[in-house]
Amino acid sequence: MSDFRRGVRLGIDVGKARVGVARCDPDGLLATPVETVARDDAAIARLVALAEEYSANELLVGLPLNLRGEDTPSTTDAREFAAALATASGLPVRLVDERLSTVSAHAALRSSGRSQRSSRSIVDQVAAVVLLQQALDVEKSTGRPSGVPVPQEPA
């Protein structure tokens, strides 16, 4: 754990209609839900504002690969969203494999007794928590940051 980087990180689960956001504490122990952001023209600005509000030092964006680890149309969308976020925020952004985060989120909500319909508003946040917690756990166990960095374009 000596190689673990301290600091607040935001986990971001990018969907077609909504973006789930989670954050961790400065010690990277626990990911918690923050909010669900509408996927519209103001989404990037809202995420930049959340990063500032929580003094985040890194953003982790879920990369939805298929089960064979291959790109899908959603993968391309997440890469483009992450690149725009990196440019707008000026923060390091990493793409993290999130193949099962939404599935895990739905399962967790079901096991807590929530129906799919009543979970719709928070499932994106829970998926963001799952992907962020997985990334933190990987970094703690390997000593290396999870995912791959998104190159930063000058704004």
C-alpha atoms as a PDB file:
ATOM      1  CA  MET A   1       0.000   0.000   0.000  1.00  0.00           C
ATOM      2  CA  SER A   2       3.009   2.295   0.221  1.00  0.00           C
ATOM      3  CA  ASP A   3       2.713   3.072  -3.500  1.00  0.00           C
ATOM      4  CA  PHE A   4      -0.929   4.127  -3.244  1.00  0.00           C
ATOM      5  CA  ARG A   5      -1.436   7.693  -4.400  1.00  0.00           C
ATOM      6  CA  ARG A   6      -3.462   9.828  -2.004  1.00  0.00           C
ATOM      7  CA  GLY A   7      -6.173  12.186  -3.153  1.00  0.00           C
ATOM      8  CA  VAL A   8      -9.843  12.396  -4.016  1.00  0.00           C
ATOM      9  CA  ARG A   9     -10.816  10.771  -7.281  1.00  0.00           C
ATOM     10  CA  LEU A  10     -14.131  10.887  -9.101  1.00  0.00           C
ATOM     11  CA  GLY A  11     -15.504   7.776 -10.759  1.00  0.00           C
ATOM     12  CA  ILE A  12     -17.606   8.534 -13.834  1.00  0.00           C
ATOM     13  CA  ASP A  13     -19.981   6.071 -15.496  1.00  0.00           C
ATOM     14  CA  VAL A  14     -20.911   7.476 -18.924  1.00  0.00           C
ATOM     15  CA  GLY A  15     -24.262   6.441 -20.340  1.00  0.00           C
ATOM     16  CA  LYS A  16     -26.317   7.588 -23.305  1.00  0.00           C
ATOM     17  CA  ALA A  17     -28.834   9.527 -21.175  1.00  0.00           C
ATOM     18  CA  ARG A  18     -27.120   9.898 -17.790  1.00  0.00           C
ATOM     19  CA  VAL A  19     -23.672  10.069 -16.219  1.00  0.00           C
ATOM     20  CA  GLY A  20     -23.185   8.522 -12.787  1.00  0.00           C
ATOM     21  CA  VAL A  21     -20.661  10.150 -10.475  1.00  0.00           C
ATOM     22  CA  ALA A  22     -18.964   8.756  -7.366  1.00  0.00           C
ATOM     23  CA  ARG A  23     -16.035   9.963  -5.288  1.00  0.00           C
ATOM     24  CA  CYS A  24     -13.585   8.525  -2.818  1.00  0.00           C
ATOM     25  CA  ASP A  25     -12.073   9.910   0.345  1.00  0.00           C
ATOM     26  CA  PRO A  26      -8.508  11.322   0.207  1.00  0.00           C
ATOM     27  CA  ASP A  27      -7.103   8.003   1.468  1.00  0.00           C
ATOM     28  CA  GLY A  28      -8.873   6.083  -1.317  1.00  0.00           C
ATOM     29  CA  LEU A  29     -10.584   3.724   1.110  1.00  0.00           C
ATOM     30  CA  LEU A  30     -14.210   4.018   0.101  1.00  0.00           C
ATOM     31  CA  ALA A  31     -16.128   5.096  -2.986  1.00  0.00           C
ATOM     32  CA  THR A  32     -19.484   6.785  -2.358  1.00  0.00           C
ATOM     33  CA  PRO A  33     -22.218   8.036  -4.721  1.00  0.00           C
ATOM     34  CA  VAL A  34     -22.332  11.747  -5.582  1.00  0.00           C
ATOM     35  CA  GLU A  35     -25.015  12.394  -8.180  1.00  0.00           C
ATOM     36  CA  THR A  36     -26.457  11.507 -11.562  1.00  0.00           C
ATOM     37  CA  VAL A  37     -25.797  14.131 -14.237  1.00  0.00           C
ATOM     38  CA  ALA A  38     -28.041  14.440 -17.292  1.00  0.00           C
ATOM     39  CA  ARG A  39     -26.086  13.631 -20.457  1.00  0.00           C
ATOM     40  CA  ASP A  40     -26.549  16.941 -22.250  1.00  0.00           C
ATOM     41  CA  ASP A  41     -24.502  19.946 -23.387  1.00  0.00           C
ATOM     42  CA  ALA A  42     -23.931  20.962 -19.739  1.00  0.00           C
ATOM     43  CA  ALA A  43     -22.661  17.527 -18.558  1.00  0.00           C
ATOM     44  CA  ILE A  44     -18.926  18.221 -18.962  1.00  0.00           C
ATOM     45  CA  ALA A  45     -19.228  21.598 -17.203  1.00  0.00           C
ATOM     46  CA  ARG A  46     -21.131  19.965 -14.310  1.00  0.00           C
ATOM     47  CA  LEU A  47     -18.439  17.276 -13.941  1.00  0.00           C
ATOM     48  CA  VAL A  48     -15.697  19.931 -13.932  1.00  0.00           C
ATOM     49  CA  ALA A  49     -17.650  21.789 -11.215  1.00  0.00           C
ATOM     50  CA  LEU A  50     -17.966  18.581  -9.156  1.00  0.00           C
ATOM     51  CA  ALA A  51     -14.230  17.921  -9.543  1.00  0.00           C
ATOM     52  CA  GLU A  52     -13.539  21.422  -8.204  1.00  0.00           C
ATOM     53  CA  GLU A  53     -16.110  21.100  -5.411  1.00  0.00           C
ATOM     54  CA  TYR A  54     -14.553  17.845  -4.149  1.00  0.00           C
ATOM     55  CA  SER A  55     -10.939  18.951  -4.889  1.00  0.00           C
ATOM     56  CA  ALA A  56     -10.472  15.873  -7.067  1.00  0.00           C
ATOM     57  CA  ASN A  57      -6.985  15.225  -8.345  1.00  0.00           C
ATOM     58  CA  GLU A  58      -7.963  12.558 -10.887  1.00  0.00           C
ATOM     59  CA  LEU A  59     -11.031  11.445 -12.872  1.00  0.00           C
ATOM     60  CA  LEU A  60     -11.673   7.783 -13.654  1.00  0.00           C
ATOM     61  CA  VAL A  61     -14.029   7.204 -16.565  1.00  0.00           C
ATOM     62  CA  GLY A  62     -15.542   3.775 -17.130  1.00  0.00           C
ATOM     63  CA  LEU A  63     -14.597   2.124 -20.416  1.00  0.00           C
ATOM     64  CA  PRO A  64     -17.401  -0.227 -21.488  1.00  0.00           C
ATOM     65  CA  LEU A  65     -15.680  -3.058 -23.359  1.00  0.00           C
ATOM     66  CA  ASN A  66     -17.589  -6.175 -24.364  1.00  0.00           C
ATOM     67  CA  LEU A  67     -16.960  -9.393 -22.420  1.00  0.00           C
ATOM     68  CA  ARG A  68     -14.151 -10.331 -24.830  1.00  0.00           C
ATOM     69  CA  GLY A  69     -12.440  -7.022 -24.054  1.00  0.00           C
ATOM     70  CA  GLU A  70     -13.267  -5.504 -27.445  1.00  0.00           C
ATOM     71  CA  ASP A  71     -14.549  -2.034 -28.257  1.00  0.00           C
ATOM     72  CA  THR A  72     -18.264  -1.355 -28.752  1.00  0.00           C
ATOM     73  CA  PRO A  73     -20.057   1.818 -29.931  1.00  0.00           C
ATOM     74  CA  SER A  74     -20.316   2.777 -26.237  1.00  0.00           C
ATOM     75  CA  THR A  75     -16.527   2.411 -25.901  1.00  0.00           C
ATOM     76  CA  THR A  76     -15.941   5.022 -28.602  1.00  0.00           C
ATOM     77  CA  ASP A  77     -18.468   7.315 -26.906  1.00  0.00           C
ATOM     78  CA  ALA A  78     -16.736   6.921 -23.515  1.00  0.00           C
ATOM     79  CA  ARG A  79     -13.297   7.637 -25.046  1.00  0.00           C
ATOM     80  CA  GLU A  80     -14.598  10.824 -26.713  1.00  0.00           C
ATOM     81  CA  PHE A  81     -16.345  11.911 -23.501  1.00  0.00           C
ATOM     82  CA  ALA A  82     -13.163  11.262 -21.461  1.00  0.00           C
ATOM     83  CA  ALA A  83     -11.050  13.276 -23.932  1.00  0.00           C
ATOM     84  CA  ALA A  84     -13.473  16.220 -23.720  1.00  0.00           C
ATOM     85  CA  LEU A  85     -13.432  15.953 -19.920  1.00  0.00           C
ATOM     86  CA  ALA A  86      -9.617  15.909 -19.822  1.00  0.00           C
ATOM     87  CA  THR A  87      -9.461  19.043 -21.969  1.00  0.00           C
ATOM     88  CA  ALA A  88     -12.159  20.894 -20.007  1.00  0.00           C
ATOM     89  CA  SER A  89     -10.940  19.951 -16.520  1.00  0.00           C
ATOM     90  CA  GLY A  90      -7.170  20.053 -16.962  1.00  0.00           C
ATOM     91  CA  LEU A  91      -7.061  17.050 -14.600  1.00  0.00           C
ATOM     92  CA  PRO A  92      -5.562  13.630 -15.282  1.00  0.00           C
ATOM     93  CA  VAL A  93      -8.272  11.343 -16.682  1.00  0.00           C
ATOM     94  CA  ARG A  94      -7.911   7.560 -16.821  1.00  0.00           C
ATOM     95  CA  LEU A  95     -10.099   5.063 -18.677  1.00  0.00           C
ATOM     96  CA  VAL A  96     -10.919   2.077 -16.461  1.00  0.00           C
ATOM     97  CA  ASP A  97     -12.360  -1.247 -17.627  1.00  0.00           C
ATOM     98  CA  GLU A  98     -15.920  -1.287 -16.328  1.00  0.00           C
ATOM     99  CA  ARG A  99     -17.274  -4.352 -18.083  1.00  0.00           C
ATOM    100  CA  LEU A 100     -19.410  -5.514 -15.190  1.00  0.00           C
ATOM    101  CA  SER A 101     -20.005  -2.324 -13.191  1.00  0.00           C
ATOM    102  CA  THR A 102     -23.578  -1.715 -14.396  1.00  0.00           C
ATOM    103  CA  VAL A 103     -24.425  -5.414 -14.043  1.00  0.00           C
ATOM    104  CA  SER A 104     -22.952  -5.371 -10.513  1.00  0.00           C
ATOM    105  CA  ALA A 105     -24.868  -2.184  -9.711  1.00  0.00           C
ATOM    106  CA  HIS A 106     -28.198  -3.689 -10.815  1.00  0.00           C
ATOM    107  CA  ALA A 107     -27.465  -6.863  -8.821  1.00  0.00           C
ATOM    108  CA  ALA A 108     -26.606  -4.859  -5.694  1.00  0.00           C
ATOM    109  CA  LEU A 109     -29.776  -2.796  -5.996  1.00  0.00           C
ATOM    110  CA  ARG A 110     -31.898  -5.915  -6.590  1.00  0.00           C
ATOM    111  CA  SER A 111     -30.398  -7.626  -3.551  1.00  0.00           C
ATOM    112  CA  SER A 112     -31.262  -4.549  -1.472  1.00  0.00           C
ATOM    113  CA  GLY A 113     -34.899  -4.975  -2.535  1.00  0.00           C
ATOM    114  CA  ARG A 114     -35.157  -2.228  -5.151  1.00  0.00           C
ATOM    115  CA  SER A 115     -36.935  -2.840  -8.433  1.00  0.00           C
ATOM    116  CA  GLN A 116     -35.271  -1.968 -11.725  1.00  0.00           C
ATOM    117  CA  ARG A 117     -37.724   0.908 -12.178  1.00  0.00           C
ATOM    118  CA  SER A 118     -37.138   2.421  -8.716  1.00  0.00           C
ATOM    119  CA  SER A 119     -33.373   2.029  -9.214  1.00  0.00           C
ATOM    120  CA  ARG A 120     -33.187   3.844 -12.542  1.00  0.00           C
ATOM    121  CA  SER A 121     -32.305   7.210 -10.991  1.00  0.00           C
ATOM    122  CA  ILE A 122     -29.423   5.855  -8.924  1.00  0.00           C
ATOM    123  CA  VAL A 123     -28.084   2.873 -10.889  1.00  0.00           C
ATOM    124  CA  ASP A 124     -25.609   5.151 -12.715  1.00  0.00           C
ATOM    125  CA  GLN A 125     -24.232   6.405  -9.389  1.00  0.00           C
ATOM    126  CA  VAL A 126     -23.935   2.862  -8.069  1.00  0.00           C
ATOM    127  CA  ALA A 127     -22.140   1.799 -11.290  1.00  0.00           C
ATOM    128  CA  ALA A 128     -19.743   4.737 -10.779  1.00  0.00           C
ATOM    129  CA  VAL A 129     -19.128   3.567  -7.180  1.00  0.00           C
ATOM    130  CA  VAL A 130     -18.416   0.013  -8.406  1.00  0.00           C
ATOM    131  CA  LEU A 131     -15.947   1.129 -11.086  1.00  0.00           C
ATOM    132  CA  LEU A 132     -14.181   3.564  -8.741  1.00  0.00           C
ATOM    133  CA  GLN A 133     -13.933   1.023  -5.910  1.00  0.00           C
ATOM    134  CA  GLN A 134     -12.548  -1.600  -8.325  1.00  0.00           C
ATOM    135  CA  ALA A 135      -9.952   0.911  -9.588  1.00  0.00           C
ATOM    136  CA  LEU A 136      -8.910   1.817  -6.027  1.00  0.00           C
ATOM    137  CA  ASP A 137      -8.633  -1.853  -5.060  1.00  0.00           C
ATOM    138  CA  VAL A 138      -6.515  -2.632  -8.146  1.00  0.00           C
ATOM    139  CA  GLU A 139      -4.170   0.248  -7.358  1.00  0.00           C
ATOM    140  CA  LYS A 140      -3.862  -0.854  -3.726  1.00  0.00           C
ATOM    141  CA  SER A 141      -3.075  -4.451  -4.679  1.00  0.00           C
ATOM    142  CA  THR A 142      -0.665  -3.722  -7.562  1.00  0.00           C
ATOM    143  CA  GLY A 143       0.806  -0.347  -6.609  1.00  0.00           C
ATOM    144  CA  ARG A 144      -0.062   0.900 -10.108  1.00  0.00           C
ATOM    145  CA  PRO A 145      -2.889   3.227 -11.144  1.00  0.00           C
ATOM    146  CA  SER A 146      -5.809   1.413 -12.737  1.00  0.00           C
ATOM    147  CA  GLY A 147      -6.681   1.971 -16.371  1.00  0.00           C
ATOM    148  CA  VAL A 148      -4.949   3.967 -19.068  1.00  0.00           C
ATOM    149  CA  PRO A 149      -4.345   7.736 -19.158  1.00  0.00           C
ATOM    150  CA  VAL A 150      -6.285   9.897 -21.598  1.00  0.00           C
ATOM    151  CA  PRO A 151      -3.904  12.215 -23.481  1.00  0.00           C
ATOM    152  CA  GLN A 152      -4.570  15.856 -22.669  1.00  0.00           C
ATOM    153  CA  GLU A 153      -5.226  18.245 -25.522  1.00  0.00           C
ATOM    154  CA  PRO A 154      -4.354  21.880 -24.916  1.00  0.00           C
ATOM    155  CA  ALA A 155      -7.571  23.791 -24.245  1.00  0.00           C
END
